[in-house]
């Protein structure tokens, strides 16, 4: 049974989804003006220089969807799952080195090398993120590194 949809948001490039939404007669098809998003009724400017989180926030704002502040530095140490005592004079970096599909993961030794380089500079607080199944890997990555914090 085909349902009637008024609007679809195509946040990523997808020829398939944009074509299907057109074929399904979705009245309003909103997406970034990037190659692959076809048949859109409203396009939003895509700026490849901006971080993807900021792009998505702009997308939502453009559609008058309220969002909270995106002040990354304020939320770094205040996240409820982390008990961090970070040096506030340093820049903050969050890294999520793991995926659901381990075939997509970068080698563990490479991540450790990157974290070691960042730690040796003594310029950054680095938070290694992951899900519950990643806890032991996060712990292992953060071991013996003074500016590297792991998810709980």
C-alpha atoms as a PDB file:
ATOM      1  CA  UNK A   1       0.000   0.000   0.000  1.00  0.00           C
ATOM      2  CA  UNK A   2       1.544   3.304  -1.116  1.00  0.00           C
ATOM      3  CA  UNK A   3       1.388   6.081   1.445  1.00  0.00           C
ATOM      4  CA  UNK A   4       1.255   9.771   0.668  1.00  0.00           C
ATOM      5  CA  UNK A   5       4.121  11.832   2.039  1.00  0.00           C
ATOM      6  CA  UNK A   6       4.232  15.612   2.090  1.00  0.00           C
ATOM      7  CA  UNK A   7       7.950  16.123   2.597  1.00  0.00           C
ATOM      8  CA  UNK A   8      11.262  14.279   2.562  1.00  0.00           C
ATOM      9  CA  UNK A   9      14.660  15.526   3.712  1.00  0.00           C
ATOM     10  CA  UNK A  10      17.606  14.207   1.702  1.00  0.00           C
ATOM     11  CA  UNK A  11      20.566  15.078   3.884  1.00  0.00           C
ATOM     12  CA  UNK A  12      23.063  12.928   2.024  1.00  0.00           C
ATOM     13  CA  UNK A  13      23.779  12.431  -1.652  1.00  0.00           C
ATOM     14  CA  UNK A  14      21.529   9.679  -2.941  1.00  0.00           C
ATOM     15  CA  UNK A  15      20.378   9.258  -6.536  1.00  0.00           C
ATOM     16  CA  UNK A  16      18.224   6.347  -5.443  1.00  0.00           C
ATOM     17  CA  UNK A  17      16.386   8.147  -2.630  1.00  0.00           C
ATOM     18  CA  UNK A  18      15.920  11.350  -4.586  1.00  0.00           C
ATOM     19  CA  UNK A  19      14.544   9.412  -7.573  1.00  0.00           C
ATOM     20  CA  UNK A  20      12.304   7.234  -5.401  1.00  0.00           C
ATOM     21  CA  UNK A  21      10.907  10.262  -3.580  1.00  0.00           C
ATOM     22  CA  UNK A  22      10.106  11.836  -6.963  1.00  0.00           C
ATOM     23  CA  UNK A  23       8.511   8.619  -8.251  1.00  0.00           C
ATOM     24  CA  UNK A  24       6.483   8.342  -5.026  1.00  0.00           C
ATOM     25  CA  UNK A  25       5.107  11.829  -5.678  1.00  0.00           C
ATOM     26  CA  UNK A  26       6.453  13.286  -2.460  1.00  0.00           C
ATOM     27  CA  UNK A  27       5.285  16.864  -2.754  1.00  0.00           C
ATOM     28  CA  UNK A  28       8.277  18.591  -1.145  1.00  0.00           C
ATOM     29  CA  UNK A  29      11.796  17.173  -1.573  1.00  0.00           C
ATOM     30  CA  UNK A  30      14.454  19.134   0.336  1.00  0.00           C
ATOM     31  CA  UNK A  31      18.199  18.523   0.132  1.00  0.00           C
ATOM     32  CA  UNK A  32      21.665  19.952  -0.338  1.00  0.00           C
ATOM     33  CA  UNK A  33      22.622  21.157  -3.814  1.00  0.00           C
ATOM     34  CA  UNK A  34      25.135  18.351  -4.348  1.00  0.00           C
ATOM     35  CA  UNK A  35      25.488  16.021  -7.340  1.00  0.00           C
ATOM     36  CA  UNK A  36      23.261  12.995  -6.875  1.00  0.00           C
ATOM     37  CA  UNK A  37      20.380  14.812  -5.228  1.00  0.00           C
ATOM     38  CA  UNK A  38      18.015  15.076  -8.171  1.00  0.00           C
ATOM     39  CA  UNK A  39      14.407  16.149  -8.503  1.00  0.00           C
ATOM     40  CA  UNK A  40      14.549  18.411  -5.450  1.00  0.00           C
ATOM     41  CA  UNK A  41      11.880  21.056  -4.983  1.00  0.00           C
ATOM     42  CA  UNK A  42      14.060  23.017  -2.546  1.00  0.00           C
ATOM     43  CA  UNK A  43      17.848  23.040  -2.399  1.00  0.00           C
ATOM     44  CA  UNK A  44      20.099  24.239   0.379  1.00  0.00           C
ATOM     45  CA  UNK A  45      23.663  25.417  -0.171  1.00  0.00           C
ATOM     46  CA  UNK A  46      26.282  22.795   0.610  1.00  0.00           C
ATOM     47  CA  UNK A  47      29.592  24.165   1.866  1.00  0.00           C
ATOM     48  CA  UNK A  48      32.293  21.477   1.897  1.00  0.00           C
ATOM     49  CA  UNK A  49      34.466  23.684   4.131  1.00  0.00           C
ATOM     50  CA  UNK A  50      32.019  23.347   7.032  1.00  0.00           C
ATOM     51  CA  UNK A  51      31.890  20.423   9.462  1.00  0.00           C
ATOM     52  CA  UNK A  52      29.071  17.975   8.768  1.00  0.00           C
ATOM     53  CA  UNK A  53      27.458  18.722  12.158  1.00  0.00           C
ATOM     54  CA  UNK A  54      27.321  22.422  11.294  1.00  0.00           C
ATOM     55  CA  UNK A  55      25.909  21.633   7.849  1.00  0.00           C
ATOM     56  CA  UNK A  56      23.140  19.514   9.350  1.00  0.00           C
ATOM     57  CA  UNK A  57      22.419  22.237  11.920  1.00  0.00           C
ATOM     58  CA  UNK A  58      22.155  24.801   9.099  1.00  0.00           C
ATOM     59  CA  UNK A  59      19.838  22.420   7.286  1.00  0.00           C
ATOM     60  CA  UNK A  60      17.535  22.179  10.311  1.00  0.00           C
ATOM     61  CA  UNK A  61      17.619  25.916  10.969  1.00  0.00           C
ATOM     62  CA  UNK A  62      16.712  26.605   7.356  1.00  0.00           C
ATOM     63  CA  UNK A  63      13.639  24.438   7.860  1.00  0.00           C
ATOM     64  CA  UNK A  64      12.761  26.348  11.076  1.00  0.00           C
ATOM     65  CA  UNK A  65      13.448  23.295  13.211  1.00  0.00           C
ATOM     66  CA  UNK A  66      14.808  24.457  16.588  1.00  0.00           C
ATOM     67  CA  UNK A  67      18.125  23.000  17.716  1.00  0.00           C
ATOM     68  CA  UNK A  68      20.274  23.499  20.782  1.00  0.00           C
ATOM     69  CA  UNK A  69      23.530  25.412  20.724  1.00  0.00           C
ATOM     70  CA  UNK A  70      26.456  23.676  19.057  1.00  0.00           C
ATOM     71  CA  UNK A  71      29.148  24.975  21.375  1.00  0.00           C
ATOM     72  CA  UNK A  72      31.415  21.935  21.177  1.00  0.00           C
ATOM     73  CA  UNK A  73      33.938  23.041  23.803  1.00  0.00           C
ATOM     74  CA  UNK A  74      31.269  23.564  26.474  1.00  0.00           C
ATOM     75  CA  UNK A  75      29.819  20.092  26.015  1.00  0.00           C
ATOM     76  CA  UNK A  76      33.124  18.207  25.891  1.00  0.00           C
ATOM     77  CA  UNK A  77      33.684  17.794  29.628  1.00  0.00           C
ATOM     78  CA  UNK A  78      30.034  18.122  30.650  1.00  0.00           C
ATOM     79  CA  UNK A  79      28.682  15.048  28.857  1.00  0.00           C
ATOM     80  CA  UNK A  80      26.866  12.916  31.408  1.00  0.00           C
ATOM     81  CA  UNK A  81      28.738   9.707  30.516  1.00  0.00           C
ATOM     82  CA  UNK A  82      32.160  11.170  31.224  1.00  0.00           C
ATOM     83  CA  UNK A  83      33.839  12.184  34.445  1.00  0.00           C
ATOM     84  CA  UNK A  84      36.639  14.324  33.043  1.00  0.00           C
ATOM     85  CA  UNK A  85      39.092  16.637  34.678  1.00  0.00           C
ATOM     86  CA  UNK A  86      40.476  18.238  31.540  1.00  0.00           C
ATOM     87  CA  UNK A  87      42.945  21.058  31.119  1.00  0.00           C
ATOM     88  CA  UNK A  88      40.723  23.911  29.932  1.00  0.00           C
ATOM     89  CA  UNK A  89      43.670  25.716  28.326  1.00  0.00           C
ATOM     90  CA  UNK A  90      43.960  22.940  25.723  1.00  0.00           C
ATOM     91  CA  UNK A  91      41.875  22.385  22.615  1.00  0.00           C
ATOM     92  CA  UNK A  92      39.445  19.472  22.699  1.00  0.00           C
ATOM     93  CA  UNK A  93      39.221  16.650  20.173  1.00  0.00           C
ATOM     94  CA  UNK A  94      36.715  13.789  20.148  1.00  0.00           C
ATOM     95  CA  UNK A  95      37.479  10.661  18.124  1.00  0.00           C
ATOM     96  CA  UNK A  96      35.224   7.681  17.485  1.00  0.00           C
ATOM     97  CA  UNK A  97      37.602   5.090  16.037  1.00  0.00           C
ATOM     98  CA  UNK A  98      35.133   2.209  15.860  1.00  0.00           C
ATOM     99  CA  UNK A  99      32.132   1.316  13.710  1.00  0.00           C
ATOM    100  CA  UNK A 100      29.377  -1.266  13.895  1.00  0.00           C
ATOM    101  CA  UNK A 101      30.970  -3.118  10.997  1.00  0.00           C
ATOM    102  CA  UNK A 102      34.537  -3.925  12.062  1.00  0.00           C
ATOM    103  CA  UNK A 103      35.627  -4.369   8.446  1.00  0.00           C
ATOM    104  CA  UNK A 104      35.343  -0.567   8.160  1.00  0.00           C
ATOM    105  CA  UNK A 105      37.574   0.061  11.180  1.00  0.00           C
ATOM    106  CA  UNK A 106      41.043   1.462  10.767  1.00  0.00           C
ATOM    107  CA  UNK A 107      43.796  -0.679  12.286  1.00  0.00           C
ATOM    108  CA  UNK A 108      44.037  -0.370  16.070  1.00  0.00           C
ATOM    109  CA  UNK A 109      47.778   0.315  15.886  1.00  0.00           C
ATOM    110  CA  UNK A 110      47.147   3.268  13.547  1.00  0.00           C
ATOM    111  CA  UNK A 111      44.663   4.820  15.977  1.00  0.00           C
ATOM    112  CA  UNK A 112      47.117   4.338  18.831  1.00  0.00           C
ATOM    113  CA  UNK A 113      49.857   6.025  16.799  1.00  0.00           C
ATOM    114  CA  UNK A 114      47.602   9.031  16.063  1.00  0.00           C
ATOM    115  CA  UNK A 115      46.600   9.304  19.737  1.00  0.00           C
ATOM    116  CA  UNK A 116      50.239   9.017  20.844  1.00  0.00           C
ATOM    117  CA  UNK A 117      51.224  11.870  18.496  1.00  0.00           C
ATOM    118  CA  UNK A 118      48.372  14.046  19.812  1.00  0.00           C
ATOM    119  CA  UNK A 119      49.270  13.159  23.401  1.00  0.00           C
ATOM    120  CA  UNK A 120      52.951  13.975  22.879  1.00  0.00           C
ATOM    121  CA  UNK A 121      52.126  17.506  21.681  1.00  0.00           C
ATOM    122  CA  UNK A 122      50.496  18.217  25.054  1.00  0.00           C
ATOM    123  CA  UNK A 123      48.163  20.682  23.249  1.00  0.00           C
ATOM    124  CA  UNK A 124      44.932  18.663  23.222  1.00  0.00           C
ATOM    125  CA  UNK A 125      42.442  16.858  25.429  1.00  0.00           C
ATOM    126  CA  UNK A 126      41.357  13.867  23.344  1.00  0.00           C
ATOM    127  CA  UNK A 127      38.198  11.920  24.126  1.00  0.00           C
ATOM    128  CA  UNK A 128      38.001   8.447  22.582  1.00  0.00           C
ATOM    129  CA  UNK A 129      34.330   7.630  22.007  1.00  0.00           C
ATOM    130  CA  UNK A 130      32.619   4.322  21.529  1.00  0.00           C
ATOM    131  CA  UNK A 131      29.613   2.239  22.404  1.00  0.00           C
ATOM    132  CA  UNK A 132      29.310  -0.285  25.220  1.00  0.00           C
ATOM    133  CA  UNK A 133      30.913  -2.977  23.068  1.00  0.00           C
ATOM    134  CA  UNK A 134      33.900  -0.691  22.472  1.00  0.00           C
ATOM    135  CA  UNK A 135      34.687  -0.049  26.143  1.00  0.00           C
ATOM    136  CA  UNK A 136      37.694  -2.373  26.392  1.00  0.00           C
ATOM    137  CA  UNK A 137      39.133  -1.071  23.105  1.00  0.00           C
ATOM    138  CA  UNK A 138      38.719   2.554  24.260  1.00  0.00           C
ATOM    139  CA  UNK A 139      40.390   1.682  27.554  1.00  0.00           C
ATOM    140  CA  UNK A 140      43.294   0.023  25.739  1.00  0.00           C
ATOM    141  CA  UNK A 141      43.738   3.025  23.399  1.00  0.00           C
ATOM    142  CA  UNK A 142      43.814   5.497  26.289  1.00  0.00           C
ATOM    143  CA  UNK A 143      46.203   3.416  28.423  1.00  0.00           C
ATOM    144  CA  UNK A 144      49.449   5.210  29.349  1.00  0.00           C
ATOM    145  CA  UNK A 145      48.456   8.423  27.538  1.00  0.00           C
ATOM    146  CA  UNK A 146      48.044  11.413  29.857  1.00  0.00           C
ATOM    147  CA  UNK A 147      45.793  13.626  27.675  1.00  0.00           C
ATOM    148  CA  UNK A 148      43.622  10.861  26.267  1.00  0.00           C
ATOM    149  CA  UNK A 149      40.266  10.146  27.892  1.00  0.00           C
ATOM    150  CA  UNK A 150      38.021   7.190  27.141  1.00  0.00           C
ATOM    151  CA  UNK A 151      34.288   6.749  27.192  1.00  0.00           C
ATOM    152  CA  UNK A 152      32.815   5.052  30.256  1.00  0.00           C
END
